[in-house]
């Protein structure tokens, strides 16, 4: 079975939109400002975007609030070809912990993470449909640590459930991740050293201890 090229599929979608001379509305789930920087630079050329910040996985609350403010600041300071607005989702970490029950000891990048993708993407798809957007997607695929195939599979399933178009993506391609690090430096963005949840924070702390031990 051939591996799908989600970046190529994204480019094909954009080409069709340009041929139709349309600027559709995109509901973009954001995980953090650094990851969103390149995605916004890229997609704001073709879409009118609402950044949806929905991340009940992030702990503690102070970390969550710090990341929210960085996202707001980035939108204020960046220049875009088409309008970019911001919507903060409800912060209810208990929803994440309920989802993660029984999966607490799994390493990062396995089933707990996949369920977390779905938790955040489902709320994105639901609201995108409710608010009348044309498309939805997430910035998550820019991270080398995130499974782009799984993210797109979940997005497509939710698109069918909620009857809204999912925009395929693998934003790390074409030096997307590299560009996000450049933009993060340019705007002085806070770059966290863990995904956001208490489990990834624990793994990050273990990695740091091993590094110091060596």
N, C-alpha and C. Protein backbone atom coordinates (compact mmCIF):
# COMPACT_ATOMS: atom_id res chain seq x y z
N UNK A 1 0.85 -1.20 0.00
CA UNK A 1 0.00 0.00 0.00
C UNK A 1 0.88 1.25 0.00
N UNK A 2 0.64 2.16 -0.95
CA UNK A 2 1.43 3.37 -1.05
C UNK A 2 1.10 4.35 0.07
N UNK A 3 2.15 4.96 0.61
CA UNK A 3 1.96 5.98 1.64
C UNK A 3 1.40 7.24 0.97
N UNK A 4 0.36 7.80 1.55
CA UNK A 4 -0.23 9.01 0.97
C UNK A 4 0.65 10.22 1.24
N UNK A 5 0.72 11.10 0.26
CA UNK A 5 1.49 12.34 0.40
C UNK A 5 0.49 13.45 0.73
N UNK A 6 0.31 13.73 2.02
CA UNK A 6 -0.72 14.68 2.44
C UNK A 6 -0.35 16.12 2.06
N UNK A 7 0.95 16.41 1.97
CA UNK A 7 1.35 17.74 1.52
C UNK A 7 0.93 17.95 0.06
N UNK A 8 1.11 16.92 -0.75
CA UNK A 8 0.71 17.02 -2.16
C UNK A 8 -0.81 17.17 -2.27
N UNK A 9 -1.54 16.45 -1.43
CA UNK A 9 -3.01 16.56 -1.43
C UNK A 9 -3.45 17.96 -1.03
N UNK A 10 -2.74 18.55 -0.06
CA UNK A 10 -3.04 19.92 0.34
C UNK A 10 -2.80 20.88 -0.82
N UNK A 11 -1.69 20.71 -1.51
CA UNK A 11 -1.38 21.59 -2.64
C UNK A 11 -2.43 21.46 -3.74
N UNK A 12 -2.94 20.25 -3.95
CA UNK A 12 -3.99 20.04 -4.95
C UNK A 12 -5.27 20.77 -4.55
N UNK A 13 -5.64 20.71 -3.27
CA UNK A 13 -6.82 21.43 -2.77
C UNK A 13 -6.66 22.93 -2.99
N UNK A 14 -5.49 23.44 -2.69
CA UNK A 14 -5.24 24.88 -2.83
C UNK A 14 -5.30 25.30 -4.30
N UNK A 15 -4.74 24.49 -5.17
CA UNK A 15 -4.79 24.79 -6.61
C UNK A 15 -6.23 24.90 -7.10
N UNK A 16 -7.08 23.99 -6.65
CA UNK A 16 -8.49 24.02 -7.06
C UNK A 16 -9.18 25.28 -6.56
N UNK A 17 -8.89 25.67 -5.33
CA UNK A 17 -9.48 26.89 -4.76
C UNK A 17 -9.04 28.13 -5.54
N UNK A 18 -7.79 28.13 -5.94
CA UNK A 18 -7.28 29.27 -6.70
C UNK A 18 -7.93 29.34 -8.08
N UNK A 19 -8.15 28.18 -8.67
CA UNK A 19 -8.83 28.15 -9.98
C UNK A 19 -10.25 28.70 -9.87
N UNK A 20 -10.89 28.43 -8.72
CA UNK A 20 -12.26 28.91 -8.49
C UNK A 20 -12.28 30.35 -7.99
N UNK A 21 -11.08 30.91 -7.75
CA UNK A 21 -10.95 32.30 -7.28
C UNK A 21 -11.76 32.53 -6.00
N UNK A 22 -11.64 31.58 -5.05
CA UNK A 22 -12.37 31.68 -3.79
C UNK A 22 -11.40 31.78 -2.62
N UNK A 23 -11.84 32.45 -1.55
CA UNK A 23 -11.09 32.49 -0.29
C UNK A 23 -12.01 31.90 0.77
N UNK A 24 -11.98 30.58 0.94
CA UNK A 24 -12.89 29.94 1.91
C UNK A 24 -12.46 30.19 3.34
N UNK A 25 -13.38 29.91 4.26
CA UNK A 25 -13.11 30.06 5.69
C UNK A 25 -12.62 28.74 6.28
N UNK A 26 -11.49 28.82 6.98
CA UNK A 26 -10.86 27.64 7.58
C UNK A 26 -10.88 27.76 9.11
N UNK A 27 -11.33 26.70 9.77
CA UNK A 27 -11.31 26.61 11.23
C UNK A 27 -10.09 25.78 11.58
N UNK A 28 -9.06 26.43 12.13
CA UNK A 28 -7.75 25.81 12.32
C UNK A 28 -7.49 25.53 13.79
N UNK A 29 -7.47 24.25 14.15
CA UNK A 29 -7.10 23.90 15.51
C UNK A 29 -5.62 24.18 15.71
N UNK A 30 -5.29 24.90 16.80
CA UNK A 30 -3.91 25.23 17.11
C UNK A 30 -3.47 24.54 18.38
N UNK A 31 -2.27 23.95 18.35
CA UNK A 31 -1.72 23.33 19.56
C UNK A 31 -0.85 24.31 20.33
N UNK A 32 -0.20 25.24 19.62
CA UNK A 32 0.64 26.24 20.28
C UNK A 32 1.08 27.27 19.24
N UNK A 33 1.60 28.39 19.71
CA UNK A 33 2.03 29.46 18.81
C UNK A 33 3.20 29.06 17.91
N UNK A 34 4.27 28.42 18.43
CA UNK A 34 5.37 28.06 17.55
C UNK A 34 4.95 27.18 16.37
N UNK A 35 4.13 26.17 16.64
CA UNK A 35 3.67 25.29 15.55
C UNK A 35 2.73 26.03 14.60
N UNK A 36 1.97 26.98 15.14
CA UNK A 36 1.00 27.70 14.31
C UNK A 36 1.66 28.74 13.40
N UNK A 37 2.86 29.20 13.76
CA UNK A 37 3.47 30.32 13.04
C UNK A 37 3.62 30.03 11.55
N UNK A 38 4.27 28.92 11.22
CA UNK A 38 4.44 28.59 9.80
C UNK A 38 3.11 28.27 9.13
N UNK A 39 2.25 27.55 9.84
CA UNK A 39 0.96 27.15 9.26
C UNK A 39 0.14 28.39 8.89
N UNK A 40 0.15 29.39 9.76
CA UNK A 40 -0.57 30.63 9.47
C UNK A 40 0.08 31.41 8.33
N UNK A 41 1.40 31.46 8.33
CA UNK A 41 2.10 32.13 7.23
C UNK A 41 1.72 31.50 5.88
N UNK A 42 1.66 30.19 5.87
CA UNK A 42 1.37 29.43 4.65
C UNK A 42 -0.10 29.54 4.24
N UNK A 43 -1.00 29.20 5.16
CA UNK A 43 -2.40 29.06 4.79
C UNK A 43 -3.16 30.39 4.68
N UNK A 44 -2.67 31.42 5.35
CA UNK A 44 -3.39 32.70 5.28
C UNK A 44 -3.32 33.33 3.89
N UNK A 45 -2.48 32.80 3.03
CA UNK A 45 -2.46 33.26 1.64
C UNK A 45 -3.71 32.80 0.89
N UNK A 46 -4.32 31.72 1.38
CA UNK A 46 -5.40 31.09 0.62
C UNK A 46 -6.74 31.02 1.37
N UNK A 47 -6.71 31.22 2.69
CA UNK A 47 -7.92 31.07 3.51
C UNK A 47 -8.10 32.26 4.43
N UNK A 48 -9.34 32.51 4.78
CA UNK A 48 -9.66 33.37 5.92
C UNK A 48 -9.75 32.43 7.12
N UNK A 49 -8.91 32.65 8.12
CA UNK A 49 -8.70 31.65 9.17
C UNK A 49 -9.21 32.12 10.53
N UNK A 50 -9.88 31.20 11.23
CA UNK A 50 -10.11 31.36 12.66
C UNK A 50 -9.28 30.31 13.38
N UNK A 51 -8.36 30.77 14.22
CA UNK A 51 -7.54 29.87 15.02
C UNK A 51 -8.36 29.44 16.23
N UNK A 52 -8.52 28.14 16.37
CA UNK A 52 -9.30 27.58 17.49
C UNK A 52 -8.33 26.93 18.47
N UNK A 53 -8.23 27.52 19.65
CA UNK A 53 -7.30 27.01 20.65
C UNK A 53 -8.07 26.13 21.62
N UNK A 54 -8.02 24.83 21.37
CA UNK A 54 -8.73 23.87 22.23
C UNK A 54 -7.75 22.77 22.63
N UNK A 55 -7.24 22.84 23.86
CA UNK A 55 -6.21 21.90 24.32
C UNK A 55 -6.39 21.57 25.80
N UNK A 56 -7.43 20.78 26.13
CA UNK A 56 -7.65 20.42 27.55
C UNK A 56 -6.57 19.48 28.08
N UNK A 57 -5.70 19.00 27.20
CA UNK A 57 -4.59 18.14 27.62
C UNK A 57 -3.49 18.88 28.35
N UNK A 58 -3.41 20.19 28.18
CA UNK A 58 -2.27 20.95 28.71
C UNK A 58 -2.39 21.13 30.23
N UNK A 59 -1.30 20.83 30.92
CA UNK A 59 -1.22 21.01 32.37
C UNK A 59 0.16 21.56 32.71
N UNK A 60 0.26 22.35 33.79
CA UNK A 60 -0.82 22.87 34.63
C UNK A 60 -1.52 24.06 33.99
N UNK A 61 -2.47 24.64 34.70
CA UNK A 61 -3.23 25.78 34.15
C UNK A 61 -2.32 26.93 33.76
N UNK A 62 -1.28 27.18 34.54
CA UNK A 62 -0.36 28.29 34.24
C UNK A 62 0.30 28.09 32.88
N UNK A 63 0.65 26.84 32.59
CA UNK A 63 1.24 26.52 31.28
C UNK A 63 0.23 26.76 30.17
N UNK A 64 -1.01 26.31 30.41
CA UNK A 64 -2.08 26.52 29.44
C UNK A 64 -2.25 28.01 29.14
N UNK A 65 -2.35 28.81 30.18
CA UNK A 65 -2.59 30.25 30.00
C UNK A 65 -1.43 30.93 29.29
N UNK A 66 -0.22 30.47 29.59
CA UNK A 66 0.96 31.04 28.93
C UNK A 66 0.92 30.76 27.43
N UNK A 67 0.52 29.55 27.06
CA UNK A 67 0.45 29.18 25.64
C UNK A 67 -0.67 29.92 24.93
N UNK A 68 -1.79 30.11 25.61
CA UNK A 68 -2.90 30.88 25.02
C UNK A 68 -2.45 32.30 24.71
N UNK A 69 -1.79 32.94 25.66
CA UNK A 69 -1.37 34.33 25.46
C UNK A 69 -0.35 34.45 24.33
N UNK A 70 0.54 33.46 24.21
CA UNK A 70 1.50 33.49 23.10
C UNK A 70 0.79 33.36 21.75
N UNK A 71 -0.27 32.56 21.72
CA UNK A 71 -1.04 32.42 20.48
C UNK A 71 -1.73 33.73 20.12
N UNK A 72 -2.31 34.38 21.09
CA UNK A 72 -2.96 35.67 20.86
C UNK A 72 -1.93 36.71 20.38
N UNK A 73 -0.78 36.71 21.02
CA UNK A 73 0.25 37.69 20.66
C UNK A 73 0.75 37.47 19.24
N UNK A 74 0.95 36.22 18.87
CA UNK A 74 1.42 35.93 17.51
C UNK A 74 0.43 36.46 16.47
N UNK A 75 -0.86 36.24 16.70
CA UNK A 75 -1.87 36.71 15.75
C UNK A 75 -1.86 38.24 15.68
N UNK A 76 -1.66 38.89 16.82
CA UNK A 76 -1.61 40.35 16.82
C UNK A 76 -0.41 40.88 16.03
N UNK A 77 0.71 40.19 16.13
CA UNK A 77 1.95 40.72 15.59
C UNK A 77 2.26 40.29 14.16
N UNK A 78 1.77 39.13 13.74
CA UNK A 78 2.05 38.66 12.37
C UNK A 78 1.22 39.41 11.35
N UNK A 79 1.74 39.51 10.15
CA UNK A 79 1.01 40.10 9.02
C UNK A 79 0.46 38.96 8.16
N UNK A 80 -0.80 39.09 7.76
CA UNK A 80 -1.44 38.03 6.98
C UNK A 80 -2.06 38.58 5.70
N UNK A 81 -2.14 37.73 4.70
CA UNK A 81 -2.78 38.12 3.44
C UNK A 81 -4.29 38.23 3.57
N UNK A 82 -4.88 37.36 4.38
CA UNK A 82 -6.32 37.37 4.64
C UNK A 82 -6.54 37.37 6.15
N UNK A 83 -7.72 37.80 6.60
CA UNK A 83 -7.96 37.95 8.04
C UNK A 83 -7.74 36.66 8.84
N UNK A 84 -7.15 36.82 10.02
CA UNK A 84 -6.97 35.72 10.97
C UNK A 84 -7.55 36.17 12.30
N UNK A 85 -8.48 35.39 12.84
CA UNK A 85 -9.10 35.70 14.13
C UNK A 85 -8.82 34.55 15.09
N UNK A 86 -9.26 34.72 16.34
CA UNK A 86 -8.93 33.76 17.39
C UNK A 86 -10.17 33.39 18.20
N UNK A 87 -10.28 32.09 18.50
CA UNK A 87 -11.35 31.61 19.38
C UNK A 87 -10.75 30.62 20.36
N UNK A 88 -10.94 30.88 21.65
CA UNK A 88 -10.44 29.96 22.67
C UNK A 88 -11.54 28.98 23.05
N UNK A 89 -11.20 27.70 23.04
CA UNK A 89 -12.14 26.67 23.47
C UNK A 89 -12.22 26.61 24.98
N UNK A 90 -13.07 25.74 25.46
CA UNK A 90 -13.25 25.59 26.90
C UNK A 90 -12.10 24.76 27.48
N UNK A 91 -11.51 25.25 28.55
CA UNK A 91 -10.41 24.54 29.19
C UNK A 91 -10.96 23.66 30.31
N UNK A 92 -11.09 22.36 30.02
CA UNK A 92 -11.59 21.41 31.00
C UNK A 92 -10.66 20.20 31.03
N UNK A 93 -9.56 20.28 31.79
CA UNK A 93 -8.59 19.18 31.80
C UNK A 93 -9.17 17.85 32.26
N UNK A 94 -10.27 17.90 33.01
CA UNK A 94 -10.87 16.64 33.46
C UNK A 94 -11.36 15.80 32.27
N UNK A 95 -11.71 16.46 31.18
CA UNK A 95 -12.13 15.73 29.96
C UNK A 95 -10.96 14.92 29.42
N UNK A 96 -9.78 15.53 29.43
CA UNK A 96 -8.59 14.82 28.95
C UNK A 96 -8.25 13.66 29.87
N UNK A 97 -8.27 13.87 31.18
CA UNK A 97 -7.89 12.80 32.11
C UNK A 97 -8.88 11.63 32.06
N UNK A 98 -10.14 11.93 31.82
CA UNK A 98 -11.13 10.86 31.66
C UNK A 98 -10.81 10.03 30.42
N UNK A 99 -10.45 10.70 29.34
CA UNK A 99 -10.09 10.02 28.09
C UNK A 99 -8.85 9.15 28.26
N UNK A 100 -7.90 9.62 29.11
CA UNK A 100 -6.61 8.94 29.25
C UNK A 100 -6.62 7.80 30.26
N UNK A 101 -7.76 7.56 30.90
CA UNK A 101 -7.83 6.52 31.93
C UNK A 101 -7.39 5.16 31.36
N UNK A 102 -6.48 4.51 32.09
CA UNK A 102 -5.99 3.20 31.68
C UNK A 102 -4.83 3.27 30.70
N UNK A 103 -4.53 4.47 30.20
CA UNK A 103 -3.47 4.64 29.20
C UNK A 103 -2.33 5.50 29.73
N UNK A 104 -2.35 5.75 31.01
CA UNK A 104 -1.40 6.71 31.61
C UNK A 104 0.06 6.31 31.43
N UNK A 105 0.35 5.02 31.39
CA UNK A 105 1.75 4.58 31.35
C UNK A 105 2.27 4.30 29.94
N UNK A 106 1.44 4.53 28.93
CA UNK A 106 1.91 4.33 27.56
C UNK A 106 2.93 5.40 27.19
N UNK A 107 3.95 5.02 26.40
CA UNK A 107 4.89 6.03 25.92
C UNK A 107 4.20 7.03 25.00
N UNK A 108 4.79 8.20 24.88
CA UNK A 108 4.25 9.22 23.98
C UNK A 108 4.25 8.68 22.55
N UNK A 109 3.22 9.03 21.79
CA UNK A 109 3.13 8.62 20.39
C UNK A 109 2.33 7.36 20.17
N UNK A 110 1.66 6.86 21.22
CA UNK A 110 0.84 5.67 21.07
C UNK A 110 -0.65 6.01 21.28
N UNK A 111 -1.44 5.01 21.71
CA UNK A 111 -2.90 5.13 21.70
C UNK A 111 -3.42 6.32 22.49
N UNK A 112 -2.81 6.64 23.61
CA UNK A 112 -3.27 7.80 24.38
C UNK A 112 -3.19 9.08 23.52
N UNK A 113 -2.10 9.21 22.80
CA UNK A 113 -1.93 10.40 21.94
C UNK A 113 -2.96 10.40 20.81
N UNK A 114 -3.23 9.23 20.24
CA UNK A 114 -4.20 9.18 19.15
C UNK A 114 -5.59 9.58 19.64
N UNK A 115 -5.93 9.15 20.85
CA UNK A 115 -7.23 9.54 21.40
C UNK A 115 -7.27 11.04 21.71
N UNK A 116 -6.12 11.56 22.10
CA UNK A 116 -6.03 13.01 22.35
C UNK A 116 -6.20 13.79 21.05
N UNK A 117 -5.61 13.28 19.96
CA UNK A 117 -5.84 13.91 18.65
C UNK A 117 -7.34 14.00 18.39
N UNK A 118 -7.99 12.85 18.58
CA UNK A 118 -9.42 12.79 18.25
C UNK A 118 -10.24 13.71 19.15
N UNK A 119 -9.92 13.74 20.42
CA UNK A 119 -10.64 14.60 21.36
C UNK A 119 -10.62 16.05 20.86
N UNK A 120 -9.46 16.53 20.47
CA UNK A 120 -9.34 17.93 20.05
C UNK A 120 -9.90 18.16 18.66
N UNK A 121 -9.67 17.21 17.78
CA UNK A 121 -10.18 17.37 16.41
C UNK A 121 -11.70 17.26 16.34
N UNK A 122 -12.28 16.43 17.21
CA UNK A 122 -13.74 16.29 17.17
C UNK A 122 -14.42 17.60 17.56
N UNK A 123 -13.92 18.27 18.57
CA UNK A 123 -14.49 19.55 18.96
C UNK A 123 -14.29 20.58 17.84
N UNK A 124 -13.15 20.49 17.16
CA UNK A 124 -12.87 21.40 16.04
C UNK A 124 -13.86 21.17 14.91
N UNK A 125 -14.07 19.92 14.53
CA UNK A 125 -14.99 19.60 13.44
C UNK A 125 -16.42 19.99 13.79
N UNK A 126 -16.81 19.71 15.02
CA UNK A 126 -18.18 20.02 15.47
C UNK A 126 -18.47 21.52 15.37
N UNK A 127 -17.55 22.31 15.90
CA UNK A 127 -17.77 23.76 15.88
C UNK A 127 -17.60 24.34 14.48
N UNK A 128 -16.69 23.79 13.71
CA UNK A 128 -16.52 24.27 12.33
C UNK A 128 -17.83 24.13 11.56
N UNK A 129 -18.50 23.01 11.74
CA UNK A 129 -19.79 22.79 11.10
C UNK A 129 -20.84 23.74 11.66
N UNK A 130 -20.87 23.87 12.98
CA UNK A 130 -21.87 24.71 13.63
C UNK A 130 -21.74 26.18 13.20
N UNK A 131 -20.51 26.64 13.03
CA UNK A 131 -20.27 28.04 12.70
C UNK A 131 -20.21 28.30 11.19
N UNK A 132 -20.41 27.27 10.39
CA UNK A 132 -20.51 27.47 8.95
C UNK A 132 -19.20 27.64 8.21
N UNK A 133 -18.14 27.03 8.71
CA UNK A 133 -16.86 27.08 8.00
C UNK A 133 -16.86 26.11 6.83
N UNK A 134 -15.98 26.36 5.87
CA UNK A 134 -15.87 25.48 4.71
C UNK A 134 -14.94 24.30 4.99
N UNK A 135 -13.89 24.55 5.79
CA UNK A 135 -12.87 23.54 6.03
C UNK A 135 -12.45 23.57 7.50
N UNK A 136 -11.83 22.45 7.94
CA UNK A 136 -11.16 22.43 9.23
C UNK A 136 -9.89 21.59 9.12
N UNK A 137 -8.92 21.89 9.97
CA UNK A 137 -7.70 21.09 10.07
C UNK A 137 -6.99 21.46 11.36
N UNK A 138 -5.78 20.91 11.56
CA UNK A 138 -5.01 21.17 12.78
C UNK A 138 -3.56 21.46 12.45
N UNK A 139 -2.91 22.20 13.32
CA UNK A 139 -1.48 22.48 13.16
C UNK A 139 -0.61 21.31 13.62
N UNK A 140 -1.19 20.31 14.25
CA UNK A 140 -0.42 19.25 14.90
C UNK A 140 0.55 18.52 13.99
N UNK A 141 0.24 18.41 12.69
CA UNK A 141 1.10 17.62 11.81
C UNK A 141 2.44 18.27 11.54
N UNK A 142 2.66 19.50 12.00
CA UNK A 142 3.97 20.13 11.79
C UNK A 142 5.04 19.52 12.67
N UNK A 143 4.64 18.91 13.77
CA UNK A 143 5.61 18.35 14.71
C UNK A 143 6.18 17.03 14.20
N UNK A 144 7.49 16.87 14.23
CA UNK A 144 8.10 15.58 13.85
C UNK A 144 7.67 14.45 14.78
N UNK A 145 7.14 14.80 15.97
CA UNK A 145 6.73 13.78 16.94
C UNK A 145 5.27 13.34 16.77
N UNK A 146 4.54 14.00 15.87
CA UNK A 146 3.13 13.68 15.69
C UNK A 146 2.93 12.83 14.43
N UNK A 147 1.99 11.90 14.51
CA UNK A 147 1.71 10.96 13.42
C UNK A 147 0.75 11.60 12.42
N UNK A 148 1.29 12.08 11.31
CA UNK A 148 0.48 12.79 10.32
C UNK A 148 -0.57 11.88 9.70
N UNK A 149 -0.23 10.63 9.46
CA UNK A 149 -1.20 9.70 8.87
C UNK A 149 -2.40 9.52 9.78
N UNK A 150 -2.14 9.34 11.07
CA UNK A 150 -3.23 9.17 12.03
C UNK A 150 -4.06 10.44 12.15
N UNK A 151 -3.40 11.59 12.18
CA UNK A 151 -4.13 12.87 12.25
C UNK A 151 -5.06 13.04 11.07
N UNK A 152 -4.58 12.73 9.87
CA UNK A 152 -5.41 12.89 8.68
C UNK A 152 -6.53 11.85 8.62
N UNK A 153 -6.23 10.64 9.07
CA UNK A 153 -7.27 9.60 9.10
C UNK A 153 -8.40 10.02 10.03
N UNK A 154 -8.05 10.50 11.21
CA UNK A 154 -9.06 10.96 12.18
C UNK A 154 -9.83 12.14 11.61
N UNK A 155 -9.10 13.10 11.01
CA UNK A 155 -9.75 14.27 10.42
C UNK A 155 -10.75 13.90 9.35
N UNK A 156 -10.38 12.95 8.50
CA UNK A 156 -11.29 12.52 7.43
C UNK A 156 -12.53 11.83 7.99
N UNK A 157 -12.34 10.99 9.01
CA UNK A 157 -13.49 10.32 9.64
C UNK A 157 -14.46 11.35 10.24
N UNK A 158 -13.91 12.33 10.93
CA UNK A 158 -14.74 13.35 11.55
C UNK A 158 -15.40 14.25 10.51
N UNK A 159 -14.71 14.48 9.41
CA UNK A 159 -15.30 15.25 8.33
C UNK A 159 -16.56 14.58 7.79
N UNK A 160 -16.50 13.26 7.69
CA UNK A 160 -17.67 12.51 7.22
C UNK A 160 -18.79 12.53 8.25
N UNK A 161 -18.43 12.42 9.51
CA UNK A 161 -19.44 12.41 10.58
C UNK A 161 -20.16 13.75 10.66
N UNK A 162 -19.38 14.84 10.58
CA UNK A 162 -19.96 16.18 10.77
C UNK A 162 -20.27 16.91 9.46
N UNK A 163 -20.02 16.23 8.35
CA UNK A 163 -20.35 16.78 7.02
C UNK A 163 -19.66 18.12 6.78
N UNK A 164 -18.35 18.09 6.95
CA UNK A 164 -17.53 19.27 6.68
C UNK A 164 -16.20 18.80 6.11
N UNK A 165 -15.61 19.60 5.24
CA UNK A 165 -14.38 19.20 4.55
C UNK A 165 -13.17 19.29 5.46
N UNK A 166 -12.41 18.22 5.51
CA UNK A 166 -11.15 18.21 6.25
C UNK A 166 -10.02 18.54 5.29
N UNK A 167 -9.18 19.50 5.67
CA UNK A 167 -8.05 19.89 4.84
C UNK A 167 -6.86 18.99 5.16
N UNK A 168 -6.40 18.19 4.19
CA UNK A 168 -5.26 17.30 4.46
C UNK A 168 -4.00 18.11 4.72
N UNK A 169 -3.11 17.55 5.53
CA UNK A 169 -1.89 18.30 5.82
C UNK A 169 -0.78 17.41 6.35
N UNK A 170 0.42 17.82 6.07
CA UNK A 170 1.62 17.31 6.74
C UNK A 170 2.58 18.48 6.74
N UNK A 171 2.33 19.42 7.65
CA UNK A 171 2.99 20.72 7.59
C UNK A 171 4.49 20.68 7.84
N UNK A 172 5.00 19.53 8.36
CA UNK A 172 6.44 19.44 8.56
C UNK A 172 7.18 19.34 7.22
N UNK A 173 6.48 18.93 6.16
CA UNK A 173 7.10 18.79 4.85
C UNK A 173 7.48 20.17 4.29
N UNK A 174 8.35 20.16 3.30
CA UNK A 174 8.83 21.39 2.66
C UNK A 174 9.45 22.35 3.67
N UNK A 175 10.18 21.78 4.63
CA UNK A 175 10.87 22.56 5.66
C UNK A 175 9.91 23.36 6.55
N UNK A 176 8.68 22.88 6.69
CA UNK A 176 7.70 23.58 7.51
C UNK A 176 8.11 23.68 8.96
N UNK A 177 8.63 22.57 9.50
CA UNK A 177 9.05 22.61 10.91
C UNK A 177 10.24 23.56 11.08
N UNK A 178 11.17 23.50 10.14
CA UNK A 178 12.34 24.40 10.19
C UNK A 178 11.90 25.86 10.15
N UNK A 179 10.93 26.15 9.27
CA UNK A 179 10.44 27.53 9.17
C UNK A 179 9.75 27.95 10.46
N UNK A 180 9.06 27.03 11.12
CA UNK A 180 8.38 27.37 12.38
C UNK A 180 9.40 27.75 13.45
N UNK A 181 10.56 27.09 13.45
CA UNK A 181 11.59 27.45 14.43
C UNK A 181 12.17 28.83 14.12
N UNK A 182 12.30 29.15 12.84
CA UNK A 182 12.79 30.47 12.44
C UNK A 182 11.82 31.57 12.86
N UNK A 183 10.53 31.34 12.61
CA UNK A 183 9.52 32.32 12.99
C UNK A 183 9.41 32.46 14.51
N UNK A 184 9.60 31.36 15.21
CA UNK A 184 9.57 31.40 16.68
C UNK A 184 10.67 32.32 17.21
N UNK A 185 11.84 32.23 16.61
CA UNK A 185 12.94 33.12 17.00
C UNK A 185 12.63 34.56 16.63
N UNK A 186 12.09 34.74 15.43
CA UNK A 186 11.77 36.10 14.95
C UNK A 186 10.79 36.81 15.87
N UNK A 187 9.79 36.09 16.37
CA UNK A 187 8.76 36.69 17.22
C UNK A 187 9.02 36.46 18.71
N UNK A 188 10.14 35.82 19.04
CA UNK A 188 10.47 35.58 20.44
C UNK A 188 9.45 34.72 21.16
N UNK A 189 8.96 33.68 20.47
CA UNK A 189 7.90 32.86 21.04
C UNK A 189 8.45 31.89 22.10
N UNK A 190 7.64 31.67 23.09
CA UNK A 190 7.93 30.68 24.12
C UNK A 190 7.80 29.29 23.50
N UNK A 191 8.90 28.53 23.55
CA UNK A 191 8.87 27.16 23.02
C UNK A 191 8.98 26.19 24.20
N UNK A 192 7.94 25.44 24.44
CA UNK A 192 7.89 24.50 25.54
C UNK A 192 8.73 23.26 25.22
N UNK A 193 9.13 22.52 26.25
CA UNK A 193 9.95 21.33 26.01
C UNK A 193 9.14 20.04 26.18
N UNK A 194 7.82 20.16 26.24
CA UNK A 194 6.97 18.97 26.27
C UNK A 194 5.65 19.28 25.57
N UNK A 195 4.98 18.23 25.11
CA UNK A 195 3.77 18.38 24.30
C UNK A 195 2.72 19.23 25.01
N UNK A 196 2.51 18.93 26.29
CA UNK A 196 1.49 19.69 27.01
C UNK A 196 0.88 18.94 28.17
N UNK A 197 0.74 17.62 28.03
CA UNK A 197 0.07 16.86 29.09
C UNK A 197 1.07 16.45 30.17
N UNK A 198 0.55 16.03 31.32
CA UNK A 198 1.41 15.64 32.44
C UNK A 198 2.28 14.43 32.08
N UNK A 199 1.78 13.58 31.17
CA UNK A 199 2.52 12.38 30.81
C UNK A 199 3.73 12.74 29.94
N UNK A 200 3.53 13.65 28.98
CA UNK A 200 4.65 14.08 28.15
C UNK A 200 5.65 14.90 28.96
N UNK A 201 5.13 15.64 29.95
CA UNK A 201 6.02 16.41 30.83
C UNK A 201 6.91 15.46 31.63
N UNK A 202 6.32 14.37 32.09
CA UNK A 202 7.08 13.36 32.84
C UNK A 202 8.18 12.76 31.97
N UNK A 203 7.85 12.43 30.72
CA UNK A 203 8.85 11.88 29.80
C UNK A 203 9.95 12.87 29.51
N UNK A 204 9.58 14.15 29.35
CA UNK A 204 10.58 15.19 29.09
C UNK A 204 11.54 15.32 30.27
N UNK A 205 11.00 15.24 31.49
CA UNK A 205 11.84 15.34 32.69
C UNK A 205 12.81 14.16 32.77
N UNK A 206 12.33 12.97 32.40
CA UNK A 206 13.20 11.78 32.41
C UNK A 206 14.32 11.92 31.39
N UNK A 207 13.99 12.43 30.21
CA UNK A 207 15.00 12.64 29.17
C UNK A 207 16.06 13.63 29.66
N UNK A 208 15.61 14.68 30.34
CA UNK A 208 16.53 15.70 30.82
C UNK A 208 17.46 15.12 31.89
N UNK A 209 16.91 14.29 32.76
CA UNK A 209 17.73 13.68 33.82
C UNK A 209 18.79 12.74 33.23
N UNK A 210 18.38 11.98 32.20
CA UNK A 210 19.34 11.07 31.55
C UNK A 210 20.45 11.86 30.85
N UNK A 211 20.06 12.98 30.25
CA UNK A 211 21.05 13.81 29.56
C UNK A 211 22.06 14.36 30.57
N UNK A 212 21.58 14.80 31.71
CA UNK A 212 22.47 15.34 32.73
C UNK A 212 23.37 14.26 33.33
N UNK A 213 22.80 13.04 33.41
CA UNK A 213 23.58 11.92 33.98
C UNK A 213 24.73 11.53 33.07
N UNK A 214 24.54 11.72 31.76
CA UNK A 214 25.59 11.37 30.80
C UNK A 214 26.62 12.49 30.69
